[in-house]
PDB file of N, CA and C in Angstrom:
ATOM      1  N   MET A   1      35.385  32.059 -35.193  1.00  0.00           N
ATOM      2  CA  MET A   1      34.727  31.410 -36.314  1.00  0.00           C
ATOM      3  C   MET A   1      34.993  32.179 -37.604  1.00  0.00           C
ATOM      4  N   ALA A   2      34.661  31.557 -38.666  1.00  0.00           N
ATOM      5  CA  ALA A   2      34.902  32.116 -39.992  1.00  0.00           C
ATOM      6  C   ALA A   2      33.727  32.979 -40.457  1.00  0.00           C
ATOM      7  N   SER A   3      33.934  33.640 -41.576  1.00  0.00           N
ATOM      8  CA  SER A   3      32.872  34.390 -42.247  1.00  0.00           C
ATOM      9  C   SER A   3      32.388  33.577 -43.434  1.00  0.00           C
ATOM     10  N   TYR A   4      31.106  33.684 -43.725  1.00  0.00           N
ATOM     11  CA  TYR A   4      30.517  32.948 -44.837  1.00  0.00           C
ATOM     12  C   TYR A   4      29.810  33.925 -45.769  1.00  0.00           C
ATOM     13  N   ILE A   5      29.955  33.701 -47.067  1.00  0.00           N
ATOM     14  CA  ILE A   5      29.285  34.534 -48.064  1.00  0.00           C
ATOM     15  C   ILE A   5      28.130  33.734 -48.653  1.00  0.00           C
ATOM     16  N   TRP A   6      26.925  34.209 -48.424  1.00  0.00           N
ATOM     17  CA  TRP A   6      25.714  33.595 -48.961  1.00  0.00           C
ATOM     18  C   TRP A   6      25.258  34.391 -50.177  1.00  0.00           C
ATOM     19  N   LYS A   7      24.733  33.720 -51.173  1.00  0.00           N
ATOM     20  CA  LYS A   7      24.153  34.383 -52.333  1.00  0.00           C
ATOM     21  C   LYS A   7      22.643  34.184 -52.289  1.00  0.00           C
ATOM     22  N   VAL A   8      21.917  35.223 -52.656  1.00  0.00           N
ATOM     23  CA  VAL A   8      20.459  35.156 -52.722  1.00  0.00           C
ATOM     24  C   VAL A   8      20.050  35.642 -54.105  1.00  0.00           C
ATOM     25  N   LYS A   9      19.241  34.841 -54.796  1.00  0.00           N
ATOM     26  CA  LYS A   9      18.796  35.169 -56.149  1.00  0.00           C
ATOM     27  C   LYS A   9      17.277  35.189 -56.196  1.00  0.00           C
ATOM     28  N   ALA A  10      16.724  36.214 -56.851  1.00  0.00           N
ATOM     29  CA  ALA A  10      15.278  36.306 -57.045  1.00  0.00           C
ATOM     30  C   ALA A  10      14.888  35.426 -58.233  1.00  0.00           C
ATOM     31  N   LEU A  11      14.117  34.375 -57.968  1.00  0.00           N
ATOM     32  CA  LEU A  11      13.660  33.480 -59.031  1.00  0.00           C
ATOM     33  C   LEU A  11      12.467  34.065 -59.773  1.00  0.00           C
ATOM     34  N   LYS A  12      11.731  34.930 -59.092  1.00  0.00           N
ATOM     35  CA  LYS A  12      10.581  35.642 -59.671  1.00  0.00           C
ATOM     36  C   LYS A  12      10.667  37.084 -59.200  1.00  0.00           C
ATOM     37  N   SER A  13      10.050  37.979 -59.921  1.00  0.00           N
ATOM     38  CA  SER A  13       9.983  39.374 -59.470  1.00  0.00           C
ATOM     39  C   SER A  13       9.199  39.431 -58.172  1.00  0.00           C
ATOM     40  N   TYR A  14       9.647  40.295 -57.270  1.00  0.00           N
ATOM     41  CA  TYR A  14       8.960  40.477 -55.991  1.00  0.00           C
ATOM     42  C   TYR A  14       8.989  41.956 -55.651  1.00  0.00           C
ATOM     43  N   GLY A  15       7.864  42.611 -55.793  1.00  0.00           N
ATOM     44  CA  GLY A  15       7.802  44.056 -55.553  1.00  0.00           C
ATOM     45  C   GLY A  15       8.762  44.780 -56.477  1.00  0.00           C
ATOM     46  N   THR A  16       9.719  45.509 -55.911  1.00  0.00           N
ATOM     47  CA  THR A  16      10.692  46.273 -56.697  1.00  0.00           C
ATOM     48  C   THR A  16      11.923  45.449 -57.078  1.00  0.00           C
ATOM     49  N   ILE A  17      11.968  44.191 -56.647  1.00  0.00           N
ATOM     50  CA  ILE A  17      13.121  43.333 -56.949  1.00  0.00           C
ATOM     51  C   ILE A  17      12.839  42.562 -58.235  1.00  0.00           C
ATOM     52  N   PRO A  18      13.628  42.789 -59.292  1.00  0.00           N
ATOM     53  CA  PRO A  18      13.369  42.098 -60.557  1.00  0.00           C
ATOM     54  C   PRO A  18      13.842  40.642 -60.535  1.00  0.00           C
ATOM     55  N   GLN A  19      13.202  39.840 -61.349  1.00  0.00           N
ATOM     56  CA  GLN A  19      13.621  38.447 -61.497  1.00  0.00           C
ATOM     57  C   GLN A  19      15.087  38.411 -61.931  1.00  0.00           C
ATOM     58  N   GLY A  20      15.858  37.523 -61.334  1.00  0.00           N
ATOM     59  CA  GLY A  20      17.264  37.380 -61.692  1.00  0.00           C
ATOM     60  C   GLY A  20      18.221  38.233 -60.877  1.00  0.00           C
ATOM     61  N   ALA A  21      17.689  39.157 -60.082  1.00  0.00           N
ATOM     62  CA  ALA A  21      18.556  40.001 -59.249  1.00  0.00           C
ATOM     63  C   ALA A  21      19.251  39.131 -58.199  1.00  0.00           C
ATOM     64  N   GLU A  22      20.514  39.433 -57.938  1.00  0.00           N
ATOM     65  CA  GLU A  22      21.293  38.654 -56.975  1.00  0.00           C
ATOM     66  C   GLU A  22      22.033  39.575 -56.019  1.00  0.00           C
ATOM     67  N   VAL A  23      22.208  39.101 -54.794  1.00  0.00           N
ATOM     68  CA  VAL A  23      23.023  39.801 -53.807  1.00  0.00           C
ATOM     69  C   VAL A  23      23.902  38.786 -53.083  1.00  0.00           C
ATOM     70  N   GLU A  24      24.969  39.287 -52.499  1.00  0.00           N
ATOM     71  CA  GLU A  24      25.825  38.479 -51.642  1.00  0.00           C
ATOM     72  C   GLU A  24      25.767  39.073 -50.247  1.00  0.00           C
ATOM     73  N   ILE A  25      25.679  38.193 -49.254  1.00  0.00           N
ATOM     74  CA  ILE A  25      25.573  38.630 -47.866  1.00  0.00           C
ATOM     75  C   ILE A  25      26.648  37.913 -47.064  1.00  0.00           C
ATOM     76  N   ILE A  26      27.431  38.684 -46.326  1.00  0.00           N
ATOM     77  CA  ILE A  26      28.480  38.111 -45.488  1.00  0.00           C
ATOM     78  C   ILE A  26      27.936  37.949 -44.076  1.00  0.00           C
ATOM     79  N   ILE A  27      28.059  36.732 -43.561  1.00  0.00           N
ATOM     80  CA  ILE A  27      27.672  36.440 -42.185  1.00  0.00           C
ATOM     81  C   ILE A  27      28.956  36.137 -41.419  1.00  0.00           C
ATOM     82  N   ASN A  28      29.250  36.947 -40.424  1.00  0.00           N
ATOM     83  CA  ASN A  28      30.471  36.784 -39.631  1.00  0.00           C
ATOM     84  C   ASN A  28      30.215  35.933 -38.393  1.00  0.00           C
ATOM     85  N   ASN A  29      31.173  35.103 -38.074  1.00  0.00           N
ATOM     86  CA  ASN A  29      31.174  34.314 -36.849  1.00  0.00           C
ATOM     87  C   ASN A  29      29.987  33.370 -36.700  1.00  0.00           C
ATOM     88  N   SER A  30      29.418  32.933 -37.809  1.00  0.00           N
ATOM     89  CA  SER A  30      28.298  31.996 -37.773  1.00  0.00           C
ATOM     90  C   SER A  30      28.114  31.412 -39.166  1.00  0.00           C
ATOM     91  N   ASN A  31      27.572  30.190 -39.223  1.00  0.00           N
ATOM     92  CA  ASN A  31      27.283  29.592 -40.526  1.00  0.00           C
ATOM     93  C   ASN A  31      25.786  29.581 -40.805  1.00  0.00           C
ATOM     94  N   ARG A  32      25.023  30.412 -40.087  1.00  0.00           N
ATOM     95  CA  ARG A  32      23.573  30.477 -40.281  1.00  0.00           C
ATOM     96  C   ARG A  32      23.228  31.155 -41.605  1.00  0.00           C
ATOM     97  N   LYS A  33      22.034  30.885 -42.098  1.00  0.00           N
ATOM     98  CA  LYS A  33      21.543  31.570 -43.297  1.00  0.00           C
ATOM     99  C   LYS A  33      21.222  33.020 -42.953  1.00  0.00           C
ATOM    100  N   PRO A  34      21.279  33.907 -43.944  1.00  0.00           N
ATOM    101  CA  PRO A  34      20.866  35.292 -43.690  1.00  0.00           C
ATOM    102  C   PRO A  34      19.367  35.350 -43.413  1.00  0.00           C
ATOM    103  N   ASN A  35      18.969  36.275 -42.546  1.00  0.00           N
ATOM    104  CA  ASN A  35      17.545  36.408 -42.239  1.00  0.00           C
ATOM    105  C   ASN A  35      16.879  37.395 -43.211  1.00  0.00           C
ATOM    106  N   GLY A  36      15.574  37.512 -43.105  1.00  0.00           N
ATOM    107  CA  GLY A  36      14.813  38.357 -44.015  1.00  0.00           C
ATOM    108  C   GLY A  36      15.249  39.811 -44.018  1.00  0.00           C
ATOM    109  N   GLN A  37      15.550  40.364 -42.844  1.00  0.00           N
ATOM    110  CA  GLN A  37      15.985  41.760 -42.770  1.00  0.00           C
ATOM    111  C   GLN A  37      17.322  41.959 -43.463  1.00  0.00           C
ATOM    112  N   GLU A  38      18.239  41.012 -43.306  1.00  0.00           N
ATOM    113  CA  GLU A  38      19.550  41.120 -43.957  1.00  0.00           C
ATOM    114  C   GLU A  38      19.414  41.031 -45.476  1.00  0.00           C
ATOM    115  N   ILE A  39      18.531  40.160 -45.929  1.00  0.00           N
ATOM    116  CA  ILE A  39      18.311  40.012 -47.373  1.00  0.00           C
ATOM    117  C   ILE A  39      17.662  41.273 -47.936  1.00  0.00           C
ATOM    118  N   GLN A  40      16.643  41.772 -47.257  1.00  0.00           N
ATOM    119  CA  GLN A  40      15.967  42.997 -47.689  1.00  0.00           C
ATOM    120  C   GLN A  40      16.958  44.158 -47.776  1.00  0.00           C
ATOM    121  N   LYS A  41      17.782  44.319 -46.761  1.00  0.00           N
ATOM    122  CA  LYS A  41      18.775  45.399 -46.721  1.00  0.00           C
ATOM    123  C   LYS A  41      19.777  45.258 -47.866  1.00  0.00           C
ATOM    124  N   ALA A  42      20.213  44.033 -48.149  1.00  0.00           N
ATOM    125  CA  ALA A  42      21.188  43.808 -49.218  1.00  0.00           C
ATOM    126  C   ALA A  42      20.616  44.207 -50.581  1.00  0.00           C
ATOM    127  N   PHE A  43      19.359  43.835 -50.867  1.00  0.00           N
ATOM    128  CA  PHE A  43      18.737  44.221 -52.136  1.00  0.00           C
ATOM    129  C   PHE A  43      18.563  45.741 -52.207  1.00  0.00           C
ATOM    130  N   SER A  44      18.136  46.337 -51.116  1.00  0.00           N
ATOM    131  CA  SER A  44      17.947  47.797 -51.099  1.00  0.00           C
ATOM    132  C   SER A  44      19.252  48.534 -51.366  1.00  0.00           C
ATOM    133  N   GLU A  45      20.328  48.104 -50.707  1.00  0.00           N
ATOM    134  CA  GLU A  45      21.615  48.776 -50.865  1.00  0.00           C
ATOM    135  C   GLU A  45      22.224  48.549 -52.243  1.00  0.00           C
ATOM    136  N   LYS A  46      22.180  47.319 -52.734  1.00  0.00           N
ATOM    137  CA  LYS A  46      22.823  47.024 -54.019  1.00  0.00           C
ATOM    138  C   LYS A  46      22.108  47.700 -55.181  1.00  0.00           C
ATOM    139  N   TYR A  47      20.776  47.680 -55.171  1.00  0.00           N
ATOM    140  CA  TYR A  47      20.016  48.182 -56.318  1.00  0.00           C
ATOM    141  C   TYR A  47      19.432  49.570 -56.109  1.00  0.00           C
ATOM    142  N   GLY A  48      19.635  50.160 -54.919  1.00  0.00           N
ATOM    143  CA  GLY A  48      19.129  51.506 -54.665  1.00  0.00           C
ATOM    144  C   GLY A  48      17.614  51.583 -54.704  1.00  0.00           C
ATOM    145  N   ILE A  49      16.964  50.550 -54.194  1.00  0.00           N
ATOM    146  CA  ILE A  49      15.500  50.479 -54.199  1.00  0.00           C
ATOM    147  C   ILE A  49      14.999  50.329 -52.772  1.00  0.00           C
ATOM    148  N   LYS A  50      13.715  50.481 -52.601  1.00  0.00           N
ATOM    149  CA  LYS A  50      13.093  50.166 -51.318  1.00  0.00           C
ATOM    150  C   LYS A  50      12.527  48.755 -51.469  1.00  0.00           C
ATOM    151  N   ALA A  51      13.317  47.782 -51.067  1.00  0.00           N
ATOM    152  CA  ALA A  51      12.892  46.388 -51.180  1.00  0.00           C
ATOM    153  C   ALA A  51      11.765  46.124 -50.184  1.00  0.00           C
ATOM    154  N   PRO A  52      10.747  45.387 -50.618  1.00  0.00           N
ATOM    155  CA  PRO A  52       9.630  45.093 -49.711  1.00  0.00           C
ATOM    156  C   PRO A  52      10.048  44.113 -48.615  1.00  0.00           C
ATOM    157  N   SER A  53       9.369  44.169 -47.499  1.00  0.00           N
ATOM    158  CA  SER A  53       9.613  43.176 -46.455  1.00  0.00           C
ATOM    159  C   SER A  53       8.779  41.943 -46.777  1.00  0.00           C
ATOM    160  N   GLY A  54       9.096  40.852 -46.134  1.00  0.00           N
ATOM    161  CA  GLY A  54       8.210  39.709 -46.327  1.00  0.00           C
ATOM    162  C   GLY A  54       8.830  38.369 -46.569  1.00  0.00           C
ATOM    163  N   VAL A  55       8.623  37.823 -47.738  1.00  0.00           N
ATOM    164  CA  VAL A  55       8.752  36.385 -48.008  1.00  0.00           C
ATOM    165  C   VAL A  55      10.132  35.940 -48.487  1.00  0.00           C
ATOM    166  N   TYR A  56      11.199  36.429 -47.915  1.00  0.00           N
ATOM    167  CA  TYR A  56      12.536  36.091 -48.388  1.00  0.00           C
ATOM    168  C   TYR A  56      12.903  34.631 -48.139  1.00  0.00           C
ATOM    169  N   GLY A  57      12.163  33.947 -47.300  1.00  0.00           N
ATOM    170  CA  GLY A  57      12.399  32.525 -47.068  1.00  0.00           C
ATOM    171  C   GLY A  57      11.620  31.625 -48.012  1.00  0.00           C
ATOM    172  N   ASN A  58      10.786  32.212 -48.881  1.00  0.00           N
ATOM    173  CA  ASN A  58       9.979  31.428 -49.814  1.00  0.00           C
ATOM    174  C   ASN A  58      10.860  30.877 -50.932  1.00  0.00           C
ATOM    175  N   LYS A  59      10.993  29.550 -50.990  1.00  0.00           N
ATOM    176  CA  LYS A  59      11.879  28.891 -51.973  1.00  0.00           C
ATOM    177  C   LYS A  59      11.405  29.058 -53.415  1.00  0.00           C
ATOM    178  N   HIS A  60      10.143  29.428 -53.602  1.00  0.00           N
ATOM    179  CA  HIS A  60       9.614  29.605 -54.950  1.00  0.00           C
ATOM    180  C   HIS A  60       9.939  30.993 -55.507  1.00  0.00           C
ATOM    181  N   ILE A  61      10.317  31.906 -54.625  1.00  0.00           N
ATOM    182  CA  ILE A  61      10.616  33.282 -55.040  1.00  0.00           C
ATOM    183  C   ILE A  61      12.106  33.578 -54.925  1.00  0.00           C
ATOM    184  N   PHE A  62      12.740  33.117 -53.843  1.00  0.00           N
ATOM    185  CA  PHE A  62      14.160  33.397 -53.614  1.00  0.00           C
ATOM    186  C   PHE A  62      14.948  32.111 -53.398  1.00  0.00           C
ATOM    187  N   GLN A  63      16.095  32.054 -54.021  1.00  0.00           N
ATOM    188  CA  GLN A  63      17.010  30.935 -53.831  1.00  0.00           C
ATOM    189  C   GLN A  63      18.146  31.427 -52.962  1.00  0.00           C
ATOM    190  N   ILE A  64      18.355  30.769 -51.823  1.00  0.00           N
ATOM    191  CA  ILE A  64      19.460  31.096 -50.939  1.00  0.00           C
ATOM    192  C   ILE A  64      20.532  30.044 -51.155  1.00  0.00           C
ATOM    193  N   ILE A  65      21.680  30.485 -51.653  1.00  0.00           N
ATOM    194  CA  ILE A  65      22.742  29.576 -52.053  1.00  0.00           C
ATOM    195  C   ILE A  65      23.820  29.553 -50.982  1.00  0.00           C
ATOM    196  N   ALA A  66      24.070  28.361 -50.463  1.00  0.00           N
ATOM    197  CA  ALA A  66      25.045  28.192 -49.388  1.00  0.00           C
ATOM    198  C   ALA A  66      26.464  28.443 -49.889  1.00  0.00           C
ATOM    199  N   PRO A  67      27.326  28.886 -48.968  1.00  0.00           N
ATOM    200  CA  PRO A  67      28.717  29.127 -49.337  1.00  0.00           C
ATOM    201  C   PRO A  67      29.454  27.828 -49.677  1.00  0.00           C
TER     202      PRO A  67
END
């Protein structure tokens, strides 16, 4: 299977993640959406912060953009 690049954008500030922050997450061998742990890890690594766990599936806070 192929690899897919998903984009996740913070529509509102959430803990240490500022509004407008974006990350890209590569999912290999599947077309599934990234899960909360993958999103949290991506924000932590890209911005050098301790991203909070929690509501990454909330459409009012995070936009998950399909490849």
